[in-house]
C-alpha atoms as a PDB file:
ATOM      1  CA  MET A   1       0.006   0.215  -0.179  1.00  0.00           C
ATOM      2  CA  PRO A   2       1.176   3.926  -0.529  1.00  0.00           C
ATOM      3  CA  SER A   3       2.926   5.277   2.457  1.00  0.00           C
ATOM      4  CA  LYS A   4       0.461   7.059   4.890  1.00  0.00           C
ATOM      5  CA  ALA A   5       2.625   9.990   4.848  1.00  0.00           C
ATOM      6  CA  HIS A   6       0.616  11.165   1.823  1.00  0.00           C
ATOM      7  CA  ASN A   7      -2.980  10.450   1.812  1.00  0.00           C
ATOM      8  CA  LEU A   8      -4.134  10.158  -1.658  1.00  0.00           C
ATOM      9  CA  ASP A   9      -7.241  11.338  -0.797  1.00  0.00           C
ATOM     10  CA  GLU A  10      -5.711  14.863   0.272  1.00  0.00           C
ATOM     11  CA  LEU A  11      -3.936  14.639  -2.509  1.00  0.00           C
ATOM     12  CA  LEU A  12      -6.770  14.783  -5.083  1.00  0.00           C
ATOM     13  CA  ASP A  13      -8.997  16.902  -3.410  1.00  0.00           C
ATOM     14  CA  ALA A  14      -6.345  19.783  -3.312  1.00  0.00           C
ATOM     15  CA  ALA A  15      -5.791  18.954  -7.075  1.00  0.00           C
ATOM     16  CA  VAL A  16      -8.818  18.985  -8.406  1.00  0.00           C
ATOM     17  CA  GLN A  17      -9.906  22.224  -5.980  1.00  0.00           C
ATOM     18  CA  GLY A  18      -6.426  23.619  -8.005  1.00  0.00           C
ATOM     19  CA  ILE A  19      -7.989  23.283 -11.096  1.00  0.00           C
ATOM     20  CA  ALA A  20     -11.349  24.236  -9.617  1.00  0.00           C
ATOM     21  CA  GLY A  21     -12.941  20.651 -10.301  1.00  0.00           C
ATOM     22  CA  VAL A  22     -15.331  18.183  -8.926  1.00  0.00           C
ATOM     23  CA  ARG A  23     -14.518  14.951  -7.269  1.00  0.00           C
ATOM     24  CA  ARG A  24     -15.784  12.303  -9.082  1.00  0.00           C
ATOM     25  CA  PRO A  25     -16.313   8.717  -7.487  1.00  0.00           C
ATOM     26  CA  GLY A  26     -14.523   6.824 -10.518  1.00  0.00           C
ATOM     27  CA  GLN A  27     -12.090   8.741 -10.073  1.00  0.00           C
ATOM     28  CA  VAL A  28     -11.376   8.291  -6.360  1.00  0.00           C
ATOM     29  CA  GLU A  29     -11.583   4.743  -7.096  1.00  0.00           C
ATOM     30  CA  MET A  30      -8.910   4.840  -9.843  1.00  0.00           C
ATOM     31  CA  VAL A  31      -6.509   6.714  -7.506  1.00  0.00           C
ATOM     32  CA  HIS A  32      -6.672   3.821  -5.302  1.00  0.00           C
ATOM     33  CA  ALA A  33      -6.461   1.592  -8.076  1.00  0.00           C
ATOM     34  CA  VAL A  34      -3.093   2.545  -9.328  1.00  0.00           C
ATOM     35  CA  ALA A  35      -1.334   3.259  -6.381  1.00  0.00           C
ATOM     36  CA  ASP A  36      -2.047  -0.372  -5.037  1.00  0.00           C
ATOM     37  CA  ALA A  37      -0.890  -1.502  -8.343  1.00  0.00           C
ATOM     38  CA  ILE A  38       2.013  -0.087  -7.938  1.00  0.00           C
ATOM     39  CA  ALA A  39       2.877  -0.917  -4.720  1.00  0.00           C
ATOM     40  CA  LYS A  40       2.883  -4.559  -6.161  1.00  0.00           C
ATOM     41  CA  HIS A  41       4.322  -3.964  -8.830  1.00  0.00           C
ATOM     42  CA  GLU A  42       0.958  -4.784 -11.100  1.00  0.00           C
ATOM     43  CA  HIS A  43       0.194  -3.501 -14.439  1.00  0.00           C
ATOM     44  CA  LEU A  44      -3.419  -1.886 -14.632  1.00  0.00           C
ATOM     45  CA  LEU A  45      -5.984  -1.666 -17.276  1.00  0.00           C
ATOM     46  CA  VAL A  46      -8.301   1.373 -17.019  1.00  0.00           C
ATOM     47  CA  GLN A  47     -11.560   2.016 -19.201  1.00  0.00           C
ATOM     48  CA  ALA A  48     -12.809   4.884 -18.252  1.00  0.00           C
ATOM     49  CA  GLY A  49     -15.422   7.379 -19.959  1.00  0.00           C
ATOM     50  CA  THR A  50     -14.220  11.039 -21.122  1.00  0.00           C
ATOM     51  CA  GLY A  51     -14.524  13.129 -17.689  1.00  0.00           C
ATOM     52  CA  THR A  52     -13.615  10.531 -15.331  1.00  0.00           C
ATOM     53  CA  GLY A  53     -10.773  12.608 -14.323  1.00  0.00           C
ATOM     54  CA  LYS A  54      -8.762  10.050 -15.742  1.00  0.00           C
ATOM     55  CA  SER A  55      -5.397  12.349 -15.702  1.00  0.00           C
ATOM     56  CA  LEU A  56      -5.108  13.063 -11.732  1.00  0.00           C
ATOM     57  CA  ALA A  57      -6.224   9.711 -10.961  1.00  0.00           C
ATOM     58  CA  TYR A  58      -2.906   8.394 -12.486  1.00  0.00           C
ATOM     59  CA  LEU A  59      -0.509  11.394 -12.232  1.00  0.00           C
ATOM     60  CA  ILE A  60      -1.175  11.814  -8.376  1.00  0.00           C
ATOM     61  CA  PRO A  61      -0.140   8.378  -7.368  1.00  0.00           C
ATOM     62  CA  ALA A  62       2.854   8.524  -9.568  1.00  0.00           C
ATOM     63  CA  VAL A  63       3.925  11.488  -8.441  1.00  0.00           C
ATOM     64  CA  VAL A  64       3.882  10.125  -5.128  1.00  0.00           C
ATOM     65  CA  HIS A  65       5.840   6.644  -5.915  1.00  0.00           C
ATOM     66  CA  ALA A  66       8.477   8.519  -7.296  1.00  0.00           C
ATOM     67  CA  PHE A  67       8.630  11.071  -4.395  1.00  0.00           C
ATOM     68  CA  GLU A  68       9.187   8.472  -1.828  1.00  0.00           C
ATOM     69  CA  THR A  69      11.442   5.830  -4.357  1.00  0.00           C
ATOM     70  CA  GLY A  70      13.633   8.590  -5.761  1.00  0.00           C
ATOM     71  CA  ARG A  71      12.883   6.800  -9.420  1.00  0.00           C
ATOM     72  CA  PRO A  72      11.564   8.420 -12.461  1.00  0.00           C
ATOM     73  CA  THR A  73       8.276   8.028 -13.505  1.00  0.00           C
ATOM     74  CA  VAL A  74       6.930   8.179 -17.433  1.00  0.00           C
ATOM     75  CA  VAL A  75       3.945   8.885 -18.737  1.00  0.00           C
ATOM     76  CA  ALA A  76       3.401   8.673 -22.702  1.00  0.00           C
ATOM     77  CA  THR A  77      -0.179  10.079 -23.312  1.00  0.00           C
ATOM     78  CA  ALA A  78       0.373  10.803 -27.303  1.00  0.00           C
ATOM     79  CA  THR A  79       1.500   9.512 -30.365  1.00  0.00           C
ATOM     80  CA  LEU A  80       4.888  12.095 -29.913  1.00  0.00           C
ATOM     81  CA  THR A  81       5.902  12.985 -26.097  1.00  0.00           C
ATOM     82  CA  LEU A  82       8.548  13.527 -24.161  1.00  0.00           C
ATOM     83  CA  GLN A  83      10.261  11.785 -21.313  1.00  0.00           C
ATOM     84  CA  ALA A  84       9.670  13.165 -18.022  1.00  0.00           C
ATOM     85  CA  GLN A  85      10.742  12.610 -14.685  1.00  0.00           C
ATOM     86  CA  ILE A  86       9.584  13.718 -11.400  1.00  0.00           C
ATOM     87  CA  VAL A  87      11.849  14.848  -9.760  1.00  0.00           C
ATOM     88  CA  ASP A  88       9.545  16.923  -6.459  1.00  0.00           C
ATOM     89  CA  PHE A  89       6.361  17.693  -5.346  1.00  0.00           C
ATOM     90  CA  ASP A  90       4.732  20.073  -2.844  1.00  0.00           C
ATOM     91  CA  MET A  91       1.526  20.936  -1.269  1.00  0.00           C
ATOM     92  CA  PRO A  92       1.907  24.403  -0.172  1.00  0.00           C
ATOM     93  CA  GLN A  93      -1.579  25.893   0.642  1.00  0.00           C
ATOM     94  CA  GLY A  94      -3.349  22.531  -0.071  1.00  0.00           C
ATOM     95  CA  VAL A  95      -2.548  23.311  -4.009  1.00  0.00           C
ATOM     96  CA  LEU A  96      -0.116  20.381  -5.550  1.00  0.00           C
ATOM     97  CA  HIS A  97       3.021  21.474  -6.928  1.00  0.00           C
ATOM     98  CA  VAL A  98       5.017  19.150  -9.073  1.00  0.00           C
ATOM     99  CA  ALA A  99       8.374  19.536 -10.275  1.00  0.00           C
ATOM    100  CA  THR A 100       9.615  17.480 -13.620  1.00  0.00           C
ATOM    101  CA  ARG A 101      12.947  17.511 -15.771  1.00  0.00           C
ATOM    102  CA  GLY A 102      12.456  16.693 -19.020  1.00  0.00           C
ATOM    103  CA  ASP A 103      14.063  13.992 -21.347  1.00  0.00           C
ATOM    104  CA  GLU A 104      14.059  13.026 -24.687  1.00  0.00           C
ATOM    105  CA  ARG A 105      11.173  12.847 -26.647  1.00  0.00           C
ATOM    106  CA  PHE A 106      10.076   9.424 -28.870  1.00  0.00           C
ATOM    107  CA  GLN A 107       7.117   8.554 -31.176  1.00  0.00           C
ATOM    108  CA  VAL A 108       4.381   5.980 -30.401  1.00  0.00           C
ATOM    109  CA  HIS A 109       4.131   3.538 -33.399  1.00  0.00           C
ATOM    110  CA  GLY A 110       1.705   1.007 -31.700  1.00  0.00           C
ATOM    111  CA  HIS A 111       1.333  -0.523 -28.277  1.00  0.00           C
ATOM    112  CA  ALA A 112      -0.009  -3.997 -27.462  1.00  0.00           C
ATOM    113  CA  VAL A 113      -1.603  -5.702 -24.341  1.00  0.00           C
ATOM    114  CA  GLU A 114      -0.144  -8.884 -23.638  1.00  0.00           C
ATOM    115  CA  PRO A 115      -2.620 -11.708 -22.282  1.00  0.00           C
ATOM    116  CA  SER A 116      -0.965 -11.237 -18.855  1.00  0.00           C
ATOM    117  CA  GLY A 117      -2.281  -7.493 -18.937  1.00  0.00           C
ATOM    118  CA  LEU A 118       1.139  -5.965 -19.423  1.00  0.00           C
ATOM    119  CA  ILE A 119       0.629  -3.239 -21.927  1.00  0.00           C
ATOM    120  CA  THR A 120       3.768  -2.398 -24.647  1.00  0.00           C
ATOM    121  CA  GLY A 121       4.545  -0.214 -26.888  1.00  0.00           C
ATOM    122  CA  GLN A 122       6.764   0.421 -29.977  1.00  0.00           C
ATOM    123  CA  VAL A 123       8.573   3.710 -29.669  1.00  0.00           C
ATOM    124  CA  THR A 124      11.604   5.454 -31.191  1.00  0.00           C
ATOM    125  CA  PRO A 125      13.785   7.778 -29.661  1.00  0.00           C
ATOM    126  CA  ILE A 126      13.896  11.394 -31.468  1.00  0.00           C
ATOM    127  CA  ALA A 127      17.255  12.566 -31.726  1.00  0.00           C
ATOM    128  CA  ALA A 128      17.883  16.027 -30.154  1.00  0.00           C
ATOM    129  CA  GLU A 129      17.795  19.198 -32.571  1.00  0.00           C
ATOM    130  CA  PRO A 130      21.058  20.723 -33.542  1.00  0.00           C
ATOM    131  CA  ARG A 131      21.873  24.331 -32.221  1.00  0.00           C
ATOM    132  CA  VAL A 132      20.225  27.100 -34.670  1.00  0.00           C
ATOM    133  CA  PRO A 133      21.590  30.624 -34.157  1.00  0.00           C
ATOM    134  CA  LEU A 134      18.397  32.756 -33.514  1.00  0.00           C
ATOM    135  CA  ALA A 135      17.565  34.895 -36.552  1.00  0.00           C
ATOM    136  CA  GLU A 136      16.988  38.651 -35.584  1.00  0.00           C
ATOM    137  CA  ALA A 137      13.105  38.534 -36.379  1.00  0.00           C
ATOM    138  CA  PHE A 138      13.147  36.739 -33.470  1.00  0.00           C
ATOM    139  CA  ALA A 139      14.879  38.499 -31.416  1.00  0.00           C
ATOM    140  CA  PRO A 140      12.018  39.864 -29.331  1.00  0.00           C
ATOM    141  CA  LEU A 141      11.003  35.895 -28.944  1.00  0.00           C
ATOM    142  CA  ALA A 142      14.013  36.072 -26.646  1.00  0.00           C
ATOM    143  CA  SER A 143      13.446  38.829 -24.826  1.00  0.00           C
ATOM    144  CA  LEU A 144      10.017  38.357 -24.011  1.00  0.00           C
ATOM    145  CA  LEU A 145      11.420  34.628 -22.450  1.00  0.00           C
ATOM    146  CA  GLU A 146      14.549  36.094 -20.112  1.00  0.00           C
ATOM    147  CA  LEU A 147      11.332  38.437 -19.178  1.00  0.00           C
ATOM    148  CA  VAL A 148       9.256  35.538 -18.391  1.00  0.00           C
ATOM    149  CA  ALA A 149      12.699  33.342 -16.629  1.00  0.00           C
ATOM    150  CA  SER A 150      13.442  36.394 -14.540  1.00  0.00           C
ATOM    151  CA  ARG A 151       9.847  36.569 -13.120  1.00  0.00           C
ATOM    152  CA  VAL A 152       9.649  32.419 -12.663  1.00  0.00           C
ATOM    153  CA  GLY A 153      12.878  32.669 -10.660  1.00  0.00           C
ATOM    154  CA  PRO A 154      15.877  30.348 -11.439  1.00  0.00           C
ATOM    155  CA  GLN A 155      14.620  27.784  -9.180  1.00  0.00           C
ATOM    156  CA  ASN A 156      11.937  27.485 -12.087  1.00  0.00           C
ATOM    157  CA  PHE A 157      14.147  27.818 -15.277  1.00  0.00           C
ATOM    158  CA  PRO A 158      16.922  25.831 -16.870  1.00  0.00           C
ATOM    159  CA  ALA A 159      20.187  26.728 -15.321  1.00  0.00           C
ATOM    160  CA  GLU A 160      21.884  26.790 -18.431  1.00  0.00           C
ATOM    161  CA  ASN A 161      20.451  29.225 -21.353  1.00  0.00           C
ATOM    162  CA  ASP A 162      21.084  29.750 -24.625  1.00  0.00           C
ATOM    163  CA  TYR A 163      19.056  32.708 -25.580  1.00  0.00           C
ATOM    164  CA  GLY A 164      21.186  32.439 -29.071  1.00  0.00           C
ATOM    165  CA  ASP A 165      19.330  28.874 -30.013  1.00  0.00           C
ATOM    166  CA  ALA A 166      16.151  29.066 -31.996  1.00  0.00           C
ATOM    167  CA  THR A 167      15.917  25.281 -30.590  1.00  0.00           C
ATOM    168  CA  TRP A 168      16.536  26.237 -27.405  1.00  0.00           C
ATOM    169  CA  VAL A 169      14.094  29.460 -27.118  1.00  0.00           C
ATOM    170  CA  GLY A 170      11.350  27.954 -29.102  1.00  0.00           C
ATOM    171  CA  TYR A 171      11.291  25.217 -26.758  1.00  0.00           C
ATOM    172  CA  ARG A 172      11.802  27.239 -23.777  1.00  0.00           C
ATOM    173  CA  LEU A 173       8.773  29.747 -24.505  1.00  0.00           C
ATOM    174  CA  ALA A 174       6.557  26.354 -25.509  1.00  0.00           C
ATOM    175  CA  GLU A 175       6.923  25.619 -21.767  1.00  0.00           C
ATOM    176  CA  VAL A 176       6.398  28.655 -20.194  1.00  0.00           C
ATOM    177  CA  LEU A 177       4.002  30.691 -21.715  1.00  0.00           C
ATOM    178  CA  PRO A 178       0.364  29.340 -20.899  1.00  0.00           C
ATOM    179  CA  LEU A 179      -0.476  27.823 -24.065  1.00  0.00           C
ATOM    180  CA  PRO A 180      -3.107  26.202 -25.100  1.00  0.00           C
ATOM    181  CA  LEU A 181      -2.310  22.052 -24.625  1.00  0.00           C
ATOM    182  CA  HIS A 182      -2.860  21.587 -28.423  1.00  0.00           C
ATOM    183  CA  ILE A 183      -0.452  24.322 -29.090  1.00  0.00           C
ATOM    184  CA  LYS A 184       2.328  22.905 -26.571  1.00  0.00           C
ATOM    185  CA  GLN A 185       1.620  19.388 -28.386  1.00  0.00           C
ATOM    186  CA  SER A 186       2.332  20.759 -31.767  1.00  0.00           C
ATOM    187  CA  MET A 187       4.847  22.280 -30.724  1.00  0.00           C
ATOM    188  CA  LEU A 188       7.132  18.978 -29.497  1.00  0.00           C
ATOM    189  CA  GLU A 189       5.810  17.765 -32.870  1.00  0.00           C
ATOM    190  CA  VAL A 190       7.755  20.259 -34.908  1.00  0.00           C
ATOM    191  CA  ASN A 191      10.918  19.614 -35.951  1.00  0.00           C
ATOM    192  CA  ASP A 192      12.278  22.843 -37.699  1.00  0.00           C
ATOM    193  CA  ALA A 193      13.155  25.617 -35.314  1.00  0.00           C
ATOM    194  CA  ALA A 194      12.312  28.652 -37.585  1.00  0.00           C
ATOM    195  CA  VAL A 195       8.833  26.797 -37.761  1.00  0.00           C
ATOM    196  CA  ARG A 196       8.549  26.851 -34.551  1.00  0.00           C
ATOM    197  CA  LEU A 197       9.307  29.926 -33.859  1.00  0.00           C
ATOM    198  CA  LYS A 198       7.701  31.477 -36.611  1.00  0.00           C
ATOM    199  CA  VAL A 199       4.255  29.413 -35.116  1.00  0.00           C
ATOM    200  CA  LEU A 200       4.584  30.973 -31.900  1.00  0.00           C
ATOM    201  CA  GLN A 201       5.481  34.556 -33.335  1.00  0.00           C
ATOM    202  CA  GLN A 202       2.164  34.832 -34.518  1.00  0.00           C
ATOM    203  CA  PHE A 203       0.244  33.359 -31.516  1.00  0.00           C
ATOM    204  CA  LEU A 204       2.072  35.354 -29.073  1.00  0.00           C
ATOM    205  CA  ALA A 205       1.197  38.861 -31.789  1.00  0.00           C
ATOM    206  CA  ARG A 206      -2.330  38.017 -31.345  1.00  0.00           C
ATOM    207  CA  GLN A 207      -2.389  37.494 -28.152  1.00  0.00           C
ATOM    208  CA  GLY A 208      -0.740  41.301 -27.834  1.00  0.00           C
ATOM    209  CA  LEU A 209       2.152  40.020 -26.369  1.00  0.00           C
ATOM    210  CA  ILE A 210       4.407  41.091 -28.640  1.00  0.00           C
END
């Protein structure tokens, strides 16, 4: 069973309140089922309809497990995604905060369910993009990123920065800006630094931010 030091129901309540959501019975059941499967090193297959609250139901026990064991947790939910390690979490004033560190992108080609219930996937790592000198036309984006970095603080931003690299600037903007999720996903799928920055530039211009 999960450690008593972290009450799953309290964490779920805090997370649901943080997004102004509503706690659902199926969500509560799934939180405990996922935590139990993790604790027993078993596989769990869950089928739940839209609106059940599946994301929080598997992320909360995953965060608790990563925090208590110091081991990374990988979650893949799209055909093209990013491997990330949960490095810390906290719940100040009842709001769940999760800190992650991104690793490499990979593409999911397919998946299958073994007779034992084990879900396996066919994935291919995606090579890191090369450094691309930042064009003058995108200089305002780098300036905006520097402003955002100064406001979020060094603890929430990479220690090593490269504002002259179009690839680095594009990825960091996509991470820190409050963009719609479909735009964040599309930025992950783009493999051209100039195209990524162009899309971000157009979006930010429409919002009146640059």
